[in-house]
N, C-alpha and C. Protein backbone atom coordinates (compact mmCIF):
# COMPACT_ATOMS: atom_id res chain seq x y z
N MET A 1 -3.09 30.35 3.18
CA MET A 1 -2.87 28.97 4.31
C MET A 1 -2.01 28.41 4.28
N SER A 2 -1.18 28.37 4.92
CA SER A 2 0.25 27.71 5.31
C SER A 2 -0.07 26.10 5.20
N ILE A 3 0.94 25.55 5.23
CA ILE A 3 1.11 24.06 5.23
C ILE A 3 0.84 23.71 6.85
N GLN A 4 0.37 22.51 6.86
CA GLN A 4 0.02 22.10 8.69
C GLN A 4 0.77 20.78 8.62
N PHE A 5 1.24 20.70 9.62
CA PHE A 5 1.97 19.40 9.76
C PHE A 5 1.24 18.87 11.01
N LEU A 6 1.10 17.10 11.22
CA LEU A 6 1.36 16.50 12.82
C LEU A 6 2.50 15.97 12.78
N PHE A 7 3.00 15.97 13.92
CA PHE A 7 4.10 15.01 14.15
C PHE A 7 3.74 13.68 15.16
N ASP A 8 4.07 12.63 15.12
CA ASP A 8 3.74 11.43 15.43
C ASP A 8 3.90 11.65 16.67
N GLU A 9 3.77 10.80 17.64
CA GLU A 9 4.19 11.14 19.32
C GLU A 9 5.47 10.78 19.31
N ASN A 10 6.25 10.22 18.54
CA ASN A 10 7.46 9.92 18.84
C ASN A 10 8.67 10.97 18.70
N LEU A 11 7.98 11.72 18.16
CA LEU A 11 8.94 13.14 17.44
C LEU A 11 8.86 14.34 18.59
N ARG A 12 9.27 13.87 19.37
CA ARG A 12 9.32 15.03 20.70
C ARG A 12 10.99 15.63 21.32
N GLY A 13 11.75 15.04 20.17
CA GLY A 13 13.23 15.60 20.69
C GLY A 13 13.72 16.71 19.64
N PRO A 14 15.14 16.51 19.27
CA PRO A 14 15.40 17.58 18.35
C PRO A 14 14.74 18.15 17.30
N LEU A 15 14.03 17.44 16.28
CA LEU A 15 13.08 18.10 15.43
C LEU A 15 12.46 18.78 15.97
N TRP A 16 11.55 18.66 17.00
CA TRP A 16 10.43 19.46 17.83
C TRP A 16 10.97 20.66 18.48
N GLN A 17 12.34 20.61 18.99
CA GLN A 17 12.98 21.49 19.52
C GLN A 17 13.62 22.55 18.61
N ALA A 18 13.72 22.23 17.25
CA ALA A 18 14.03 23.08 16.05
C ALA A 18 12.69 23.81 15.49
N VAL A 19 11.81 23.08 15.54
CA VAL A 19 10.47 23.87 15.16
C VAL A 19 10.10 24.87 16.15
N GLN A 20 10.21 24.49 17.64
CA GLN A 20 10.28 25.47 18.58
C GLN A 20 10.92 26.69 18.31
N ARG A 21 12.35 26.75 18.44
CA ARG A 21 13.04 27.69 18.01
C ARG A 21 12.81 28.41 16.82
N HIS A 22 12.95 27.83 15.57
CA HIS A 22 12.27 28.36 14.44
C HIS A 22 10.84 29.33 14.70
N ASN A 23 10.01 28.83 14.90
CA ASN A 23 8.80 29.64 15.86
C ASN A 23 8.70 30.71 16.39
N SER A 24 9.77 30.47 17.50
CA SER A 24 10.30 31.73 18.73
C SER A 24 10.65 32.74 17.87
N ALA A 25 11.32 32.48 16.75
CA ALA A 25 11.91 33.71 15.90
C ALA A 25 11.02 34.70 15.23
N GLY A 26 9.97 34.26 15.18
CA GLY A 26 8.81 34.84 14.64
C GLY A 26 8.61 35.10 12.93
N ASP A 27 9.50 34.45 12.34
CA ASP A 27 9.48 34.58 10.99
C ASP A 27 9.00 33.42 10.45
N LEU A 28 7.67 33.76 9.62
CA LEU A 28 6.90 32.47 8.97
C LEU A 28 7.06 31.16 9.74
N PRO A 29 6.18 31.34 10.94
CA PRO A 29 6.26 30.36 11.90
C PRO A 29 5.62 28.89 11.05
N LEU A 30 5.91 27.81 11.56
CA LEU A 30 5.60 26.40 10.96
C LEU A 30 4.38 26.34 11.96
N ASP A 31 3.35 25.66 11.23
CA ASP A 31 2.04 25.08 12.08
C ASP A 31 1.97 23.59 12.22
N VAL A 32 2.67 23.58 13.44
CA VAL A 32 2.71 22.01 13.75
C VAL A 32 2.11 21.57 15.10
N GLU A 33 1.41 20.45 14.75
CA GLU A 33 0.80 19.79 15.86
C GLU A 33 1.45 18.53 16.34
N ARG A 34 1.28 17.83 17.62
CA ARG A 34 1.95 16.62 17.97
C ARG A 34 0.73 15.78 18.41
N VAL A 35 0.78 14.21 17.86
CA VAL A 35 -0.31 13.52 18.75
C VAL A 35 -0.28 13.77 20.19
N GLY A 36 -1.41 13.36 20.66
CA GLY A 36 -1.25 13.79 22.35
C GLY A 36 -1.83 15.43 22.43
N GLU A 37 -1.65 16.33 21.72
CA GLU A 37 -1.91 17.48 21.80
C GLU A 37 -3.44 17.98 21.62
N PRO A 38 -3.89 17.62 20.46
CA PRO A 38 -5.44 17.74 20.41
C PRO A 38 -6.17 16.84 21.10
N PRO A 39 -7.64 17.57 21.74
CA PRO A 39 -8.20 16.64 22.37
C PRO A 39 -8.56 15.09 21.64
N ASP A 40 -8.86 15.36 20.56
CA ASP A 40 -9.52 14.32 19.97
C ASP A 40 -8.61 13.36 19.32
N LEU A 41 -6.92 13.55 19.82
CA LEU A 41 -5.75 12.81 19.12
C LEU A 41 -5.20 12.60 20.19
N PRO A 42 -5.35 11.61 21.23
CA PRO A 42 -4.43 11.34 22.31
C PRO A 42 -3.31 10.60 22.13
N LEU A 43 -2.48 10.75 23.14
CA LEU A 43 -1.25 9.77 22.75
C LEU A 43 -1.31 8.04 22.75
N GLY A 44 -0.89 7.55 22.16
CA GLY A 44 -1.15 5.93 21.82
C GLY A 44 -2.25 6.01 20.73
N SER A 45 -2.79 6.93 20.08
CA SER A 45 -3.56 6.75 18.81
C SER A 45 -3.10 6.00 18.15
N LEU A 46 -3.63 4.89 17.53
CA LEU A 46 -3.60 4.07 16.51
C LEU A 46 -3.49 4.66 15.19
N ASP A 47 -2.47 3.94 14.11
CA ASP A 47 -2.04 4.83 12.78
C ASP A 47 -3.42 5.30 11.88
N PRO A 48 -4.31 4.13 12.04
CA PRO A 48 -5.65 4.56 11.25
C PRO A 48 -6.38 5.65 11.51
N MET A 49 -6.54 5.94 13.13
CA MET A 49 -6.84 6.88 13.54
C MET A 49 -6.14 8.54 13.20
N ILE A 50 -5.10 7.93 13.46
CA ILE A 50 -4.04 9.47 12.96
C ILE A 50 -3.95 9.76 11.70
N LEU A 51 -4.50 8.94 10.47
CA LEU A 51 -4.39 8.98 9.17
C LEU A 51 -5.99 9.48 8.89
N GLU A 52 -6.90 9.28 9.95
CA GLU A 52 -8.38 9.82 9.66
C GLU A 52 -8.13 11.22 9.89
N TRP A 53 -7.61 11.49 11.02
CA TRP A 53 -7.23 13.23 11.65
C TRP A 53 -6.66 13.76 10.74
N CYS A 54 -5.52 13.28 10.20
CA CYS A 54 -4.73 14.24 9.09
C CYS A 54 -5.68 14.41 7.89
N GLN A 55 -6.35 13.44 7.54
CA GLN A 55 -7.34 13.75 6.40
C GLN A 55 -8.29 14.94 6.43
N ARG A 56 -9.06 14.76 7.69
CA ARG A 56 -9.88 15.64 8.34
C ARG A 56 -9.73 17.15 8.71
N GLU A 57 -8.23 17.20 9.36
CA GLU A 57 -7.77 18.41 9.57
C GLU A 57 -6.69 19.09 8.05
N ASP A 58 -6.52 17.96 7.25
CA ASP A 58 -5.69 18.59 6.23
C ASP A 58 -4.27 18.84 6.99
N ARG A 59 -3.75 17.73 7.36
CA ARG A 59 -2.32 17.81 7.84
C ARG A 59 -1.57 16.91 7.36
N ILE A 60 -0.28 17.30 6.68
CA ILE A 60 0.55 16.40 6.73
C ILE A 60 1.31 15.66 7.40
N LEU A 61 1.35 14.22 7.74
CA LEU A 61 2.04 13.70 9.11
C LEU A 61 3.44 13.39 8.73
N VAL A 62 4.16 13.71 9.67
CA VAL A 62 5.53 13.49 9.67
C VAL A 62 5.69 12.10 10.91
N SER A 63 6.53 11.46 10.69
CA SER A 63 6.78 9.96 11.40
C SER A 63 8.05 9.52 11.32
N PHE A 64 8.43 8.67 11.78
CA PHE A 64 9.47 7.69 12.15
C PHE A 64 8.91 6.26 11.52
N ASP A 65 7.67 6.35 11.45
CA ASP A 65 7.31 4.90 11.69
C ASP A 65 7.11 4.02 9.98
N HIS A 66 8.65 3.77 9.94
CA HIS A 66 8.45 2.89 8.55
C HIS A 66 7.98 1.70 8.52
N ALA A 67 7.64 0.63 9.72
CA ALA A 67 7.30 -0.64 9.87
C ALA A 67 6.07 -0.70 9.65
N THR A 68 4.87 0.20 9.97
CA THR A 68 3.64 -0.11 9.89
C THR A 68 2.83 1.05 9.36
N LEU A 69 3.35 1.95 9.53
CA LEU A 69 2.80 3.27 8.94
C LEU A 69 2.23 3.11 7.01
N PRO A 70 3.17 2.92 6.36
CA PRO A 70 3.13 2.45 4.92
C PRO A 70 1.78 1.42 4.75
N GLY A 71 1.57 0.48 5.63
CA GLY A 71 0.76 -0.52 5.40
C GLY A 71 -0.75 -0.03 5.70
N HIS A 72 -0.70 0.90 6.63
CA HIS A 72 -2.10 1.54 7.02
C HIS A 72 -2.47 2.69 6.33
N LEU A 73 -1.68 3.25 5.55
CA LEU A 73 -1.55 4.27 4.45
C LEU A 73 -2.17 3.68 3.22
N GLY A 74 -1.66 2.54 2.94
CA GLY A 74 -2.45 1.60 1.93
C GLY A 74 -3.88 1.43 1.95
N ASN A 75 -3.92 1.02 3.14
CA ASN A 75 -5.26 0.47 3.17
C ASN A 75 -6.20 1.85 3.43
N HIS A 76 -5.73 2.76 4.24
CA HIS A 76 -6.72 4.11 4.18
C HIS A 76 -6.94 4.59 2.79
N LEU A 77 -6.12 4.77 1.62
CA LEU A 77 -6.65 4.98 0.29
C LEU A 77 -7.28 4.11 -0.39
N ALA A 78 -7.16 2.57 -0.02
CA ALA A 78 -7.97 1.58 -0.64
C ALA A 78 -9.32 1.67 -0.09
N GLN A 79 -9.71 2.22 1.03
CA GLN A 79 -11.10 2.09 1.48
C GLN A 79 -11.73 3.70 1.10
N GLY A 80 -11.00 4.44 0.04
CA GLY A 80 -11.58 5.74 -0.52
C GLY A 80 -11.20 6.76 0.33
N GLY A 81 -10.04 6.79 1.44
CA GLY A 81 -9.57 7.86 2.22
C GLY A 81 -8.58 8.42 1.07
N HIS A 82 -7.94 9.71 1.47
CA HIS A 82 -6.99 10.29 0.63
C HIS A 82 -5.79 10.90 2.21
N SER A 83 -5.12 11.68 1.68
CA SER A 83 -3.76 11.86 2.71
C SER A 83 -3.29 13.41 1.99
N PRO A 84 -3.27 14.26 2.75
CA PRO A 84 -2.41 15.34 2.41
C PRO A 84 -1.12 15.52 2.26
N GLY A 85 -0.29 14.25 2.88
CA GLY A 85 0.90 13.62 2.70
C GLY A 85 1.42 13.07 3.59
N ILE A 86 2.66 12.62 3.49
CA ILE A 86 3.40 11.62 4.73
C ILE A 86 4.93 12.08 4.34
N PHE A 87 5.73 12.44 5.74
CA PHE A 87 7.07 12.33 5.58
C PHE A 87 7.47 11.52 6.27
N LEU A 88 8.20 9.82 5.94
CA LEU A 88 8.95 9.46 6.60
C LEU A 88 9.98 9.41 7.04
N ILE A 89 10.79 10.11 7.97
CA ILE A 89 11.85 10.26 8.53
C ILE A 89 12.95 8.91 8.94
N ARG A 90 14.04 9.78 8.84
CA ARG A 90 14.91 8.55 9.70
C ARG A 90 15.51 9.14 10.87
N PRO A 91 15.74 8.16 12.06
CA PRO A 91 15.99 9.37 13.07
C PRO A 91 17.51 9.82 12.96
């Protein structure tokens, strides 16, 4: 089973384009979804909903959200949730 990722909705620029170029080459494609693509995770989804979705779908979240995501993750874990992982990246 490959590692699966979820890109936050604000990752629609160069990083997403790099994933698409990589995947079009056909060698070891990355399994990446974006917020707004799965029907049960629309654009504008709040952090707690995104964390629940990632937990259920076993996907690592990739986001720029240094402001609110760490606090929501702390709450999610304190309530007994788990996370496959989060990458907080810089623009």
